[in-house]
Amino acid sequence: MNKNTAIVVVVTCVTLATGGCQAADAGTPADVIFFGDNIVTMDPDQSSVEAVAVRGETIVAVGSLGDVMALQGDATRVVDLGGRALVPGFIDAHGHILATGGTLDRLSLHPPPVGDVNNIDDIVEKIRQWIDERDIPAGEFVSGIGYDDSLLEEGLHPTRYDLDRASTDHPILLTHVSGHLRAVNSAALAASNITAATEDPPGGHIRRVEGSMEPNGVLEETAMRLVVGGVGFGGGGDVEEVLRKAIQLYASYGTTTIQNGGGTGPETVAAIRAAAEREPLDADVAVFTSVDAIVDGDLQYEEDYQNGARVAGVKFVLDGSPQGRTAWVTEPYEEGPPGAPADYRAYGTMDPDDYKAGAAALIERGVPFLAHANGDAAMDLMIDGVEEAVAGMEEMPDHRSVIIHAQLMRADQLDRAAELRVVPSFFAAHTFFWGDWHVRSFGEERGTNISPARWAIDRGVNFTIHNDAPVVPPHVMRLISIAVNRQSRSSRVLGPDQRLTVEEALHAVTLGAAYQYFEEDRKGSITVGKQADLVILGENPLTADPAQLEQIPILETFSRGRSVFTN
């Protein structure tokens, strides 16, 4: 567990000699009381308790059964946990709630265990069925999401010629599972005027037919923006409808604080705020936007949620994805994309000077930021930007700038992160979903040490873990299981020395994640005075078989003291 995490506890009760805790205003009954032997507080100052009381949105008592039950009134709901467990609500350290909601009604081309696509023929057939079942008119875009070349039998992206087999009458746009590449057919290329004469945009690449400049239909990074029409990673639809539908999905996995991690413009922020004003959201949604929106004054950073929504900071994107083989690295790939040169290292996706200027402005203003960086070259840039921003300051500011994904983070970069108070958020789910692929892409040393959480703990670095939904579903117990077991699809334990204990993994999605958000004084542990974000699990993860962690069910989720999901 991170021992450097700052914890500020709002104390509204007194700890008794028996180890119990009585609320100060004992005359007011609690709304809910939980009791049992499996209450996992994640509070290092009070780890073993028998009961918890909630009044309104707040935890008002934590301690012995007798003392907490003194708050029972006629209308108090009393929950006997029995063999079940009570844990803090999970906190999404990085994800895309609107994109996740937008994909729920989209054509899914995911491989197992998320979907059932195994080869390019499956993709073609699913597109045909989608067009036929919905009677989509000729000329209208057809969009899908989730195809994964690393898991297709061919080991290749579908090209324009593959997708032309599905339809030549409909422009087709498929978004790679990573969100960093697209595959389109000939009709989509024509509709977007992407030809052999179209040059690669800065920070992107148009893949070509071998031996020519003719686009083969696969577009990397910023080249994806060349497509005119269709629905990409984010999806469409009414913002409020998509938002509320996605919140229910996250709540079903025990998540009570959710991120919209980047690309949220002023209009979308306004729509989220309007939805929250009409009816408070069933979970807290932290929105990250572009640097221009905040620096230019269109939006303001907000420390507090209003009806469940706040602008929580800014997001930069410095490189691509390791599963898409566009992560920017300092040493060449062992196996790069088709046709890549032997010294292929991929590339950055943002002008370094623009990033550094933006990072400096945000740190100066006290606005948190996330920087997407998968490859170590991108992380060098991210950390350099922080180091240059704080150079010359009399005192290190408490900026908690976050490296999102941090897949190929080196040990020396974690040394710098410790010194500069940078917070890595590891995409720990990669170990299962793409761990075997990463060993092929980066070799044994780099591939087996993806998401190096143990190195972070050894250096006292605050860190979190995440799913990056909709890249993978927002299944937190599966994320914890992967971080603990680090088992790949081939059942190989990938980097056994990087495994976390169950308690460390739980910390990374509760109190550690609250720290990342500057919310550790109000969330992340079952502590008196904190927000009553709680989850009832089918069993105690600390005593469960580690191999079965993913199977522990979410039975009920409470957000701000209200039950928002029941299984």
Protein backbone atom coordinates (compact mmCIF):
# COMPACT_ATOMS: atom_id res chain seq x y z
CA MET A 1 0.00 0.00 0.00
CA ASN A 2 1.16 3.53 -0.68
CA LYS A 3 2.53 4.82 2.58
CA ASN A 4 3.05 8.33 1.26
CA THR A 5 -0.65 8.94 0.63
CA ALA A 6 -1.80 12.03 2.47
CA ILE A 7 -4.95 11.37 4.50
CA VAL A 8 -7.05 14.15 5.97
CA VAL A 9 -9.91 12.80 8.10
CA VAL A 10 -12.92 14.91 9.00
CA VAL A 11 -13.64 13.69 12.53
CA THR A 12 -17.24 13.99 13.67
CA CYS A 13 -17.21 11.26 16.27
CA VAL A 14 -15.00 10.15 19.12
CA THR A 15 -13.20 6.83 19.34
CA LEU A 16 -14.15 4.97 22.49
CA ALA A 17 -11.85 2.94 24.70
CA THR A 18 -13.50 -0.22 23.41
CA GLY A 19 -12.48 0.64 19.87
CA GLY A 20 -15.99 1.75 18.94
CA CYS A 21 -16.94 5.11 17.52
CA GLN A 22 -20.00 7.11 18.55
CA ALA A 23 -21.45 9.92 16.47
CA ALA A 24 -21.37 13.32 18.14
CA ASP A 25 -25.08 14.00 17.51
CA ALA A 26 -26.24 10.65 18.81
CA GLY A 27 -29.83 11.84 19.10
CA THR A 28 -30.35 11.82 15.32
CA PRO A 29 -30.93 8.29 13.99
CA ALA A 30 -28.91 6.90 11.10
CA ASP A 31 -30.53 6.15 7.76
CA VAL A 32 -28.55 2.93 7.26
CA ILE A 33 -26.45 0.77 9.57
CA PHE A 34 -24.24 -2.03 8.26
CA PHE A 35 -22.75 -4.65 10.57
CA GLY A 36 -20.67 -7.77 10.12
CA ASP A 37 -17.23 -9.33 10.31
CA ASN A 38 -16.09 -8.30 6.83
CA ILE A 39 -16.01 -4.49 6.81
CA VAL A 40 -12.91 -3.44 4.85
CA THR A 41 -12.46 0.24 5.72
CA MET A 42 -9.18 0.94 3.83
CA ASP A 43 -8.58 3.40 6.68
CA PRO A 44 -5.10 2.67 8.13
CA ASP A 45 -6.13 4.23 11.44
CA GLN A 46 -9.18 2.02 11.93
CA SER A 47 -8.95 -1.13 9.87
CA SER A 48 -11.01 -3.48 12.06
CA VAL A 49 -14.60 -2.46 12.81
CA GLU A 50 -17.93 -4.16 13.41
CA ALA A 51 -20.43 -1.61 12.14
CA VAL A 52 -20.90 1.51 10.03
CA ALA A 53 -23.69 4.12 10.19
CA VAL A 54 -24.75 6.47 7.39
CA ARG A 55 -26.91 9.56 7.68
CA GLY A 56 -27.78 11.42 4.50
CA GLU A 57 -24.70 11.52 2.27
CA THR A 58 -22.20 11.01 5.10
CA ILE A 59 -20.64 8.23 7.14
CA VAL A 60 -21.42 9.26 10.74
CA ALA A 61 -20.12 6.36 12.81
CA VAL A 62 -17.61 3.55 12.40
CA GLY A 63 -16.70 1.14 15.18
CA SER A 64 -18.13 -1.43 17.57
CA LEU A 65 -21.57 -2.94 17.01
CA GLY A 66 -22.99 -1.76 20.33
CA ASP A 67 -21.92 1.83 19.89
CA VAL A 68 -23.03 2.16 16.28
CA MET A 69 -26.38 0.48 16.91
CA ALA A 70 -27.14 3.28 19.37
CA LEU A 71 -27.91 5.32 16.24
CA GLN A 72 -30.71 2.98 15.15
CA GLY A 73 -34.12 4.59 14.80
CA ASP A 74 -37.54 3.37 13.73
CA ALA A 75 -36.81 4.13 10.05
CA THR A 76 -33.17 2.98 10.03
CA ARG A 77 -32.38 0.29 7.49
CA VAL A 78 -30.16 -2.29 9.20
CA VAL A 79 -28.02 -4.47 6.94
CA ASP A 80 -26.64 -7.69 8.42
CA LEU A 81 -23.74 -8.41 6.08
CA GLY A 82 -23.32 -12.00 7.19
CA GLY A 83 -20.61 -13.49 4.99
CA ARG A 84 -20.74 -10.52 2.64
CA ALA A 85 -18.25 -7.64 2.72
CA LEU A 86 -18.56 -3.86 2.83
CA VAL A 87 -15.87 -1.84 1.03
CA PRO A 88 -15.50 1.80 -0.08
CA GLY A 89 -17.01 2.71 -3.42
CA PHE A 90 -14.58 2.14 -6.28
CA ILE A 91 -13.04 5.16 -8.00
CA ASP A 92 -12.41 5.16 -11.74
CA ALA A 93 -8.85 6.51 -12.05
CA HIS A 94 -9.20 6.76 -15.82
CA GLY A 95 -11.94 6.08 -18.31
CA HIS A 96 -14.41 7.64 -20.69
CA ILE A 97 -17.95 7.50 -19.36
CA LEU A 98 -19.62 9.11 -22.37
CA ALA A 99 -17.73 6.90 -24.81
CA THR A 100 -18.67 3.89 -22.70
CA GLY A 101 -22.32 4.86 -22.73
CA GLY A 102 -22.15 5.61 -26.43
CA THR A 103 -20.86 2.13 -27.25
CA LEU A 104 -23.65 0.26 -25.47
CA ASP A 105 -25.86 0.42 -28.57
CA ARG A 106 -23.05 0.19 -31.13
CA LEU A 107 -21.89 -2.64 -33.37
CA SER A 108 -19.49 -4.56 -31.12
CA LEU A 109 -16.55 -6.27 -32.81
CA HIS A 110 -14.72 -7.22 -29.61
CA PRO A 111 -12.91 -10.54 -29.20
CA PRO A 112 -13.59 -12.85 -26.24
CA PRO A 113 -14.16 -12.46 -23.34
CA VAL A 114 -15.94 -9.19 -24.17
CA GLY A 115 -17.36 -10.29 -27.54
CA ASP A 116 -17.22 -13.19 -30.00
CA VAL A 117 -15.15 -11.96 -32.97
CA ASN A 118 -12.25 -14.25 -33.86
CA ASN A 119 -11.29 -13.36 -37.42
CA ILE A 120 -11.83 -10.86 -40.24
CA ASP A 121 -14.60 -12.99 -41.77
CA ASP A 122 -16.50 -12.60 -38.47
CA ILE A 123 -16.15 -8.82 -38.77
CA VAL A 124 -17.43 -8.83 -42.34
CA GLU A 125 -20.41 -11.00 -41.46
CA LYS A 126 -21.34 -8.92 -38.40
CA ILE A 127 -21.29 -5.73 -40.48
CA ARG A 128 -23.55 -7.35 -43.10
CA GLN A 129 -26.00 -8.50 -40.44
CA TRP A 130 -25.98 -5.07 -38.78
CA ILE A 131 -26.86 -3.38 -42.09
CA ASP A 132 -29.59 -5.91 -42.91
CA GLU A 133 -31.21 -6.00 -39.46
CA ARG A 134 -31.39 -2.20 -39.27
CA ASP A 135 -32.17 -1.70 -42.95
CA ILE A 136 -29.48 0.99 -43.16
CA PRO A 137 -29.89 3.03 -46.38
CA ALA A 138 -27.10 3.08 -48.96
CA GLY A 139 -24.76 6.01 -48.43
CA GLU A 140 -25.27 6.10 -44.65
CA PHE A 141 -22.18 5.49 -42.49
CA VAL A 142 -21.90 2.20 -40.62
CA SER A 143 -19.75 2.40 -37.48
CA GLY A 144 -18.38 -0.32 -35.22
CA ILE A 145 -15.99 -0.52 -32.30
CA GLY A 146 -13.67 -2.97 -30.59
CA TYR A 147 -11.90 -4.95 -33.31
CA ASP A 148 -8.45 -6.12 -32.16
CA ASP A 149 -5.82 -7.17 -34.69
CA SER A 150 -3.69 -8.68 -31.92
CA LEU A 151 -6.39 -11.27 -31.27
CA LEU A 152 -7.73 -11.86 -34.77
CA GLU A 153 -6.64 -15.17 -36.27
CA GLU A 154 -4.96 -13.29 -39.12
CA GLY A 155 -3.04 -10.99 -36.73
CA LEU A 156 -3.87 -8.10 -39.05
CA HIS A 157 -6.13 -5.06 -39.21
CA PRO A 158 -9.05 -5.38 -41.64
CA THR A 159 -8.23 -3.27 -44.69
CA ARG A 160 -10.46 -1.33 -47.06
CA TYR A 161 -10.63 -4.42 -49.27
CA ASP A 162 -11.81 -6.64 -46.41
CA LEU A 163 -14.49 -4.13 -45.46
CA ASP A 164 -15.56 -3.70 -49.08
CA ARG A 165 -16.73 -7.31 -48.84
CA ALA A 166 -19.24 -6.17 -46.22
CA SER A 167 -20.55 -3.29 -48.35
CA THR A 168 -19.48 -0.97 -51.13
CA ASP A 169 -22.73 1.01 -50.83
CA HIS A 170 -22.15 2.14 -47.24
CA PRO A 171 -19.12 4.04 -45.89
CA ILE A 172 -17.78 1.85 -43.06
CA LEU A 173 -15.74 3.10 -40.11
CA LEU A 174 -14.42 0.71 -37.46
CA THR A 175 -12.59 1.93 -34.35
CA HIS A 176 -9.78 -0.24 -32.98
CA VAL A 177 -10.22 -1.51 -29.43
CA SER A 178 -7.56 0.95 -28.25
CA GLY A 179 -9.35 3.94 -29.77
CA HIS A 180 -6.08 4.91 -31.50
CA LEU A 181 -6.64 3.44 -34.97
CA ARG A 182 -9.50 3.13 -37.43
CA ALA A 183 -10.20 0.85 -40.36
CA VAL A 184 -12.39 2.17 -43.17
CA ASN A 185 -13.61 0.88 -46.51
CA SER A 186 -13.22 2.39 -49.97
CA ALA A 187 -16.52 4.28 -49.72
CA ALA A 188 -15.40 5.98 -46.50
CA LEU A 189 -12.05 6.93 -48.04
CA ALA A 190 -13.84 8.39 -51.05
CA ALA A 191 -16.36 10.27 -48.89
CA SER A 192 -13.45 11.81 -46.97
CA ASN A 193 -11.30 12.46 -50.06
CA ILE A 194 -8.40 10.42 -48.63
CA THR A 195 -6.26 9.44 -51.60
CA ALA A 196 -2.71 8.51 -52.54
CA ALA A 197 -1.96 12.25 -52.61
CA THR A 198 -3.11 12.78 -49.00
CA GLU A 199 -0.12 13.39 -46.74
CA ASP A 200 0.27 12.05 -43.21
CA PRO A 201 -0.91 14.67 -40.71
CA PRO A 202 1.40 15.64 -37.81
CA GLY A 203 1.17 12.95 -35.13
CA GLY A 204 -0.53 10.41 -37.38
CA HIS A 205 -0.03 7.96 -40.22
CA ILE A 206 -2.04 6.67 -43.18
CA ARG A 207 -1.07 3.08 -43.84
CA ARG A 208 -0.51 2.34 -47.53
CA VAL A 209 -0.85 -0.59 -49.89
CA GLU A 210 2.59 -2.19 -50.06
CA GLY A 211 4.67 -0.73 -52.87
CA SER A 212 2.40 2.29 -53.40
CA MET A 213 0.98 5.40 -51.74
CA GLU A 214 -2.59 4.12 -52.04
CA PRO A 215 -4.31 4.13 -48.59
CA ASN A 216 -5.06 0.60 -47.40
CA GLY A 217 -7.85 1.84 -45.10
CA VAL A 218 -6.00 1.74 -41.76
CA LEU A 219 -5.50 5.14 -40.11
CA GLU A 220 -3.33 5.78 -37.06
CA GLU A 221 -3.72 8.45 -34.36
CA THR A 222 -4.40 11.96 -35.75
CA ALA A 223 -4.97 10.51 -39.24
CA MET A 224 -8.26 9.16 -37.87
CA ARG A 225 -9.58 12.74 -37.91
CA LEU A 226 -9.37 12.80 -41.69
CA VAL A 227 -12.53 10.69 -41.91
CA VAL A 228 -15.59 12.84 -42.50
CA GLY A 229 -18.66 11.15 -41.03
CA GLY A 230 -19.34 8.07 -38.98
CA VAL A 231 -19.14 7.60 -35.22
CA GLY A 232 -15.72 7.09 -33.67
CA PHE A 233 -14.51 6.18 -30.19
CA GLY A 234 -16.80 8.60 -28.35
CA GLY A 235 -20.09 7.63 -29.88
CA GLY A 236 -23.07 9.90 -30.31
CA GLY A 237 -26.55 10.25 -28.90
CA ASP A 238 -28.17 12.50 -26.33
CA VAL A 239 -25.60 13.37 -23.65
CA GLU A 240 -27.97 12.98 -20.70
CA GLU A 241 -29.39 9.66 -21.90
CA VAL A 242 -25.90 8.26 -22.60
CA LEU A 243 -24.56 9.59 -19.29
CA ARG A 244 -27.25 8.11 -17.09
CA LYS A 245 -27.16 4.76 -18.89
CA ALA A 246 -23.39 4.58 -18.43
CA ILE A 247 -23.61 5.50 -14.74
CA GLN A 248 -25.86 2.50 -14.19
CA LEU A 249 -23.30 0.27 -15.87
CA TYR A 250 -20.47 1.61 -13.72
CA ALA A 251 -22.59 1.29 -10.57
CA SER A 252 -23.17 -2.37 -11.41
CA TYR A 253 -19.40 -2.80 -11.05
CA GLY A 254 -19.30 -0.89 -7.74
CA THR A 255 -17.92 2.38 -9.13
CA THR A 256 -19.15 5.60 -7.50
CA THR A 257 -16.70 8.14 -8.95
CA ILE A 258 -16.36 8.03 -12.73
CA GLN A 259 -14.12 9.88 -15.16
CA ASN A 260 -14.74 11.39 -18.56
CA GLY A 261 -11.08 11.39 -19.41
CA GLY A 262 -10.47 13.98 -22.07
CA GLY A 263 -12.02 15.48 -25.15
CA THR A 264 -14.87 17.06 -23.19
CA GLY A 265 -15.55 20.43 -24.79
CA PRO A 266 -17.54 23.31 -23.31
CA GLU A 267 -20.79 22.26 -25.02
CA THR A 268 -20.59 18.74 -23.61
CA VAL A 269 -19.69 20.07 -20.16
CA ALA A 270 -22.74 22.33 -20.34
CA ALA A 271 -24.92 19.35 -21.27
CA ILE A 272 -23.57 17.32 -18.34
CA ARG A 273 -24.19 20.21 -15.95
CA ALA A 274 -27.72 20.71 -17.28
CA ALA A 275 -28.46 17.01 -16.78
CA ALA A 276 -27.14 17.13 -13.21
CA GLU A 277 -29.23 20.23 -12.46
CA ARG A 278 -32.39 18.55 -13.73
CA GLU A 279 -31.74 15.52 -11.54
CA PRO A 280 -28.59 14.83 -9.48
CA LEU A 281 -26.41 12.14 -11.02
CA ASP A 282 -26.34 8.72 -9.34
CA ALA A 283 -22.53 8.88 -9.10
CA ASP A 284 -19.87 11.57 -9.19
CA VAL A 285 -18.55 12.34 -12.68
CA ALA A 286 -15.14 14.04 -12.98
CA VAL A 287 -14.70 15.71 -16.36
CA PHE A 288 -11.33 16.40 -18.01
CA THR A 289 -11.14 18.80 -20.91
CA SER A 290 -8.61 20.36 -23.27
CA VAL A 291 -5.93 22.75 -22.05
CA ASP A 292 -7.26 25.52 -24.31
CA ALA A 293 -10.72 25.35 -22.74
CA ILE A 294 -9.32 26.13 -19.29
CA VAL A 295 -6.38 28.39 -20.13
CA ASP A 296 -8.55 30.49 -22.46
CA GLY A 297 -11.21 30.80 -19.77
CA ASP A 298 -14.10 28.88 -21.43
CA LEU A 299 -14.20 26.50 -18.46
CA GLN A 300 -13.09 26.69 -14.85
CA TYR A 301 -11.47 23.98 -12.76
CA GLU A 302 -13.84 23.01 -9.94
CA GLU A 303 -12.85 21.45 -6.63
CA ASP A 304 -16.42 20.52 -5.68
CA TYR A 305 -19.13 18.52 -7.39
CA GLN A 306 -22.45 20.15 -8.19
CA ASN A 307 -25.17 17.48 -8.18
CA GLY A 308 -22.52 14.92 -9.07
CA ALA A 309 -20.53 16.74 -11.76
CA ARG A 310 -17.34 18.82 -11.81
CA VAL A 311 -14.59 19.92 -14.19
CA ALA A 312 -11.64 18.12 -12.62
CA GLY A 313 -8.79 19.19 -14.90
CA VAL A 314 -7.15 18.78 -18.30
CA LYS A 315 -5.95 15.88 -20.43
CA PHE A 316 -3.04 15.75 -22.89
CA VAL A 317 -2.34 12.89 -25.33
CA LEU A 318 1.40 12.38 -25.93
CA ASP A 319 1.47 9.08 -27.85
CA GLY A 320 -0.57 6.11 -29.00
CA SER A 321 -1.26 2.60 -27.78
CA PRO A 322 0.99 -0.43 -27.24
CA GLN A 323 -1.69 -2.85 -28.41
CA GLY A 324 -1.98 -0.77 -31.60
CA ARG A 325 1.83 -0.58 -31.79
CA THR A 326 1.81 3.21 -31.81
CA ALA A 327 3.22 3.72 -28.28
CA TRP A 328 6.29 5.99 -28.54
CA VAL A 329 9.38 4.26 -27.14
CA THR A 330 13.09 5.00 -26.82
CA GLU A 331 14.27 1.56 -27.94
CA PRO A 332 12.96 -0.09 -31.14
CA TYR A 333 10.05 -2.50 -31.11
CA GLU A 334 10.95 -6.17 -31.22
CA GLU A 335 8.03 -6.62 -33.63
CA GLY A 336 6.43 -3.53 -35.15
CA PRO A 337 3.50 -2.98 -37.50
CA PRO A 338 3.60 -4.57 -40.99
CA GLY A 339 6.30 -2.96 -43.11
CA ALA A 340 7.83 -1.01 -40.21
CA PRO A 341 11.61 -0.50 -40.34
CA ALA A 342 13.89 -2.37 -37.93
CA ASP A 343 14.42 0.77 -35.85
CA TYR A 344 10.70 1.55 -35.52
CA ARG A 345 9.91 3.46 -32.29
CA ALA A 346 6.50 4.96 -33.23
CA TYR A 347 6.05 8.68 -32.61
CA GLY A 348 4.62 11.39 -30.41
CA THR A 349 1.17 12.79 -31.08
CA MET A 350 1.59 16.30 -29.64
CA ASP A 351 4.12 19.06 -30.17
CA PRO A 352 6.49 18.81 -27.16
CA ASP A 353 6.71 22.58 -26.73
CA ASP A 354 2.93 22.91 -26.70
CA TYR A 355 2.68 20.23 -24.03
CA LYS A 356 5.37 21.79 -21.86
CA ALA A 357 3.82 25.24 -22.12
CA GLY A 358 0.41 23.85 -21.21
CA ALA A 359 1.75 21.80 -18.29
CA ALA A 360 3.59 24.81 -16.89
CA ALA A 361 0.50 27.01 -17.14
CA LEU A 362 -1.67 24.44 -15.38
CA ILE A 363 0.77 23.75 -12.56
CA GLU A 364 1.16 27.49 -12.04
CA ARG A 365 -2.63 27.86 -11.79
CA GLY A 366 -3.10 24.80 -9.58
CA VAL A 367 -5.15 22.92 -12.18
CA PRO A 368 -4.60 19.12 -12.23
CA PHE A 369 -3.83 17.36 -15.49
CA LEU A 370 -3.58 13.90 -16.97
CA ALA A 371 -1.09 13.04 -19.71
CA HIS A 372 -1.72 9.95 -21.80
CA ALA A 373 1.68 8.28 -22.21
CA ASN A 374 2.13 4.56 -22.88
CA GLY A 375 5.69 4.44 -24.21
CA ASP A 376 8.75 5.47 -22.25
CA ALA A 377 9.66 8.22 -24.75
CA ALA A 378 6.26 9.81 -24.15
CA MET A 379 6.78 9.47 -20.39
CA ASP A 380 10.17 11.15 -20.65
CA LEU A 381 8.40 14.11 -22.25
CA MET A 382 5.65 14.10 -19.64
CA ILE A 383 8.09 14.08 -16.72
CA ASP A 384 10.38 16.64 -18.38
CA GLY A 385 7.40 18.98 -18.66
CA VAL A 386 6.66 18.68 -14.94
CA GLU A 387 10.32 19.09 -13.99
CA GLU A 388 10.68 22.24 -16.10
CA ALA A 389 7.40 23.63 -14.76
CA VAL A 390 8.45 23.35 -11.10
CA ALA A 391 12.08 24.37 -11.64
CA GLY A 392 12.84 27.53 -9.74
CA MET A 393 9.78 27.32 -7.50
CA GLU A 394 10.61 27.84 -3.85
CA GLU A 395 8.56 24.82 -2.85
CA MET A 396 7.33 21.79 -4.77
CA PRO A 397 3.61 22.37 -5.43
CA ASP A 398 1.16 19.60 -4.63
CA HIS A 399 0.27 19.14 -8.30
CA ARG A 400 -0.21 15.34 -8.53
CA SER A 401 0.13 15.37 -12.32
CA VAL A 402 -0.91 11.97 -13.67
CA ILE A 403 0.68 9.71 -16.29
CA ILE A 404 -2.24 7.86 -17.82
CA HIS A 405 -1.53 4.20 -18.73
CA ALA A 406 2.24 4.23 -17.97
CA GLN A 407 2.57 0.81 -19.58
CA LEU A 408 6.29 0.82 -20.40
CA MET A 409 7.48 2.95 -17.48
CA ARG A 410 11.14 2.44 -16.63
CA ALA A 411 12.51 2.15 -13.10
CA ASP A 412 14.48 5.39 -13.47
CA GLN A 413 11.29 7.16 -14.53
CA LEU A 414 9.64 5.99 -11.31
CA ASP A 415 12.59 7.46 -9.42
CA ARG A 416 11.84 10.79 -11.08
CA ALA A 417 8.12 10.38 -10.41
CA ALA A 418 8.84 9.97 -6.71
CA GLU A 419 10.98 13.11 -6.67
CA LEU A 420 8.53 15.21 -8.69
CA ARG A 421 5.30 13.83 -7.12
CA VAL A 422 4.01 12.52 -10.42
CA VAL A 423 1.23 9.91 -10.11
CA PRO A 424 1.29 6.98 -12.57
CA SER A 425 -2.09 5.42 -13.31
CA PHE A 426 -1.33 1.96 -14.65
CA PHE A 427 -3.60 0.33 -17.22
CA ALA A 428 -3.21 -2.89 -15.25
CA ALA A 429 -5.85 -4.75 -17.27
CA HIS A 430 -3.33 -4.93 -20.13
CA THR A 431 -1.53 -7.80 -18.40
CA PHE A 432 -4.39 -10.14 -19.24
CA PHE A 433 -5.84 -8.56 -22.36
CA TRP A 434 -2.59 -7.84 -24.26
CA GLY A 435 0.30 -9.10 -22.13
CA ASP A 436 1.31 -11.84 -24.57
CA TRP A 437 1.12 -9.34 -27.45
CA HIS A 438 3.36 -6.91 -25.56
CA VAL A 439 6.06 -9.53 -25.12
CA ARG A 440 6.03 -9.99 -28.90
CA SER A 441 6.09 -6.22 -29.47
CA PHE A 442 8.68 -5.22 -26.88
CA GLY A 443 10.59 -8.36 -25.90
CA GLU A 444 10.83 -10.16 -22.57
CA GLU A 445 12.27 -7.43 -20.34
CA ARG A 446 9.92 -4.65 -21.36
CA GLY A 447 6.92 -6.86 -22.09
CA THR A 448 6.90 -8.68 -18.77
CA ASN A 449 7.26 -5.47 -16.75
CA ILE A 450 4.28 -3.56 -18.15
CA SER A 451 2.33 -1.72 -15.44
CA PRO A 452 5.28 -1.91 -12.98
CA ALA A 453 3.25 -1.34 -9.83
CA ARG A 454 5.72 -3.11 -7.51
CA TRP A 455 8.50 -0.81 -8.65
CA ALA A 456 6.22 2.10 -7.74
CA ILE A 457 5.55 0.72 -4.26
CA ASP A 458 9.26 0.13 -3.68
CA ARG A 459 9.87 3.84 -4.35
CA GLY A 460 6.95 5.18 -2.34
CA VAL A 461 5.21 6.44 -5.48
CA ASN A 462 1.47 7.07 -5.23
CA PHE A 463 -0.23 5.21 -8.08
CA THR A 464 -3.60 3.99 -9.28
CA ILE A 465 -4.90 1.33 -11.69
CA HIS A 466 -7.68 1.59 -14.25
CA ASN A 467 -9.69 -0.12 -17.00
CA ASP A 468 -9.87 2.77 -19.50
CA ALA A 469 -13.47 1.88 -20.44
CA PRO A 470 -14.68 1.39 -23.10
CA VAL A 471 -11.29 -0.05 -24.17
CA VAL A 472 -12.15 -2.82 -21.71
CA PRO A 473 -15.37 -2.92 -19.66
CA PRO A 474 -15.34 -1.03 -16.32
CA HIS A 475 -15.17 -4.31 -14.37
CA VAL A 476 -13.28 -3.35 -11.22
CA MET A 477 -13.11 -6.76 -9.57
CA ARG A 478 -11.58 -8.15 -12.77
CA LEU A 479 -9.09 -5.25 -12.75
CA ILE A 480 -8.13 -6.07 -9.16
CA SER A 481 -7.80 -9.75 -10.06
CA ILE A 482 -5.51 -8.97 -12.99
CA ALA A 483 -3.31 -6.68 -10.87
CA VAL A 484 -3.01 -9.38 -8.20
CA ASN A 485 -2.51 -12.39 -10.46
CA ARG A 486 -0.93 -10.83 -13.59
CA GLN A 487 -1.99 -13.81 -15.66
CA SER A 488 -2.03 -13.35 -19.44
CA ARG A 489 -4.42 -14.94 -21.93
CA SER A 490 -1.94 -17.80 -22.34
CA SER A 491 -2.08 -18.34 -18.52
CA ARG A 492 1.47 -17.09 -18.16
CA VAL A 493 2.20 -15.09 -15.00
CA LEU A 494 3.61 -11.98 -16.60
CA GLY A 495 6.19 -10.30 -14.40
CA PRO A 496 5.45 -12.09 -11.11
CA ASP A 497 7.57 -9.58 -9.19
CA GLN A 498 5.14 -6.82 -10.23
CA ARG A 499 2.10 -8.47 -8.65
CA LEU A 500 0.12 -6.57 -6.02
CA THR A 501 -1.45 -7.93 -2.87
CA VAL A 502 -5.24 -7.75 -2.75
CA GLU A 503 -5.05 -4.92 -0.22
CA GLU A 504 -2.65 -2.95 -2.43
CA ALA A 505 -4.91 -3.39 -5.45
CA LEU A 506 -7.97 -2.34 -3.43
CA HIS A 507 -6.08 0.73 -2.23
CA ALA A 508 -5.32 1.67 -5.83
CA VAL A 509 -9.04 1.82 -6.71
CA THR A 510 -10.19 3.44 -3.43
CA LEU A 511 -8.00 5.64 -1.24
CA GLY A 512 -5.16 5.79 -3.75
CA ALA A 513 -7.53 6.88 -6.50
CA ALA A 514 -9.12 9.44 -4.18
CA TYR A 515 -5.63 10.89 -3.66
CA GLN A 516 -5.13 11.18 -7.41
CA TYR A 517 -8.32 13.29 -7.56
CA PHE A 518 -7.41 15.44 -4.51
CA GLU A 519 -10.43 13.84 -2.82
CA GLU A 520 -8.77 11.75 -0.10
CA ASP A 521 -10.34 13.93 2.60
CA ARG A 522 -13.85 12.90 1.49
CA LYS A 523 -13.63 9.56 -0.33
CA GLY A 524 -11.70 6.32 -0.60
CA SER A 525 -12.14 4.84 2.87
CA ILE A 526 -14.90 4.02 5.33
CA THR A 527 -14.10 6.87 7.69
CA VAL A 528 -16.35 9.12 9.74
CA GLY A 529 -17.11 12.37 7.92
CA LYS A 530 -16.48 10.97 4.46
CA GLN A 531 -19.01 10.62 1.68
CA ALA A 532 -21.08 7.46 2.00
CA ASP A 533 -19.88 5.74 -1.19
CA LEU A 534 -20.02 2.05 -0.35
CA VAL A 535 -20.21 -1.36 -2.02
CA ILE A 536 -21.49 -4.68 -0.70
CA LEU A 537 -19.50 -7.58 -2.17
CA GLY A 538 -20.44 -11.24 -2.16
CA GLU A 539 -17.40 -12.05 -0.02
CA ASN A 540 -14.35 -10.43 1.51
CA PRO A 541 -11.69 -10.00 -1.18
CA LEU A 542 -8.93 -9.97 1.46
CA THR A 543 -9.74 -13.55 2.48
CA ALA A 544 -11.03 -14.88 -0.86
CA ASP A 545 -9.10 -17.20 -3.15
CA PRO A 546 -7.02 -14.78 -5.30
CA ALA A 547 -7.83 -16.87 -8.38
CA GLN A 548 -11.55 -16.17 -7.81
CA LEU A 549 -11.43 -12.40 -7.22
CA GLU A 550 -13.01 -11.63 -10.59
CA GLN A 551 -16.01 -13.78 -9.68
CA ILE A 552 -16.90 -11.89 -6.48
CA PRO A 553 -20.29 -10.31 -7.23
CA ILE A 554 -21.33 -6.71 -6.63
CA LEU A 555 -24.53 -7.02 -4.59
CA GLU A 556 -25.34 -3.38 -3.87
CA THR A 557 -23.77 0.01 -4.58
CA PHE A 558 -24.38 3.16 -2.50
CA SER A 559 -23.50 6.58 -3.87
CA ARG A 560 -23.69 9.55 -1.51
CA GLY A 561 -25.66 7.38 0.89
CA ARG A 562 -28.27 6.26 -1.66
CA SER A 563 -28.62 2.75 -3.02
CA VAL A 564 -28.11 3.12 -6.79
CA PHE A 565 -27.65 -0.51 -7.80
CA THR A 566 -28.93 -3.81 -6.41
CA ASN A 567 -28.13 -7.23 -7.77
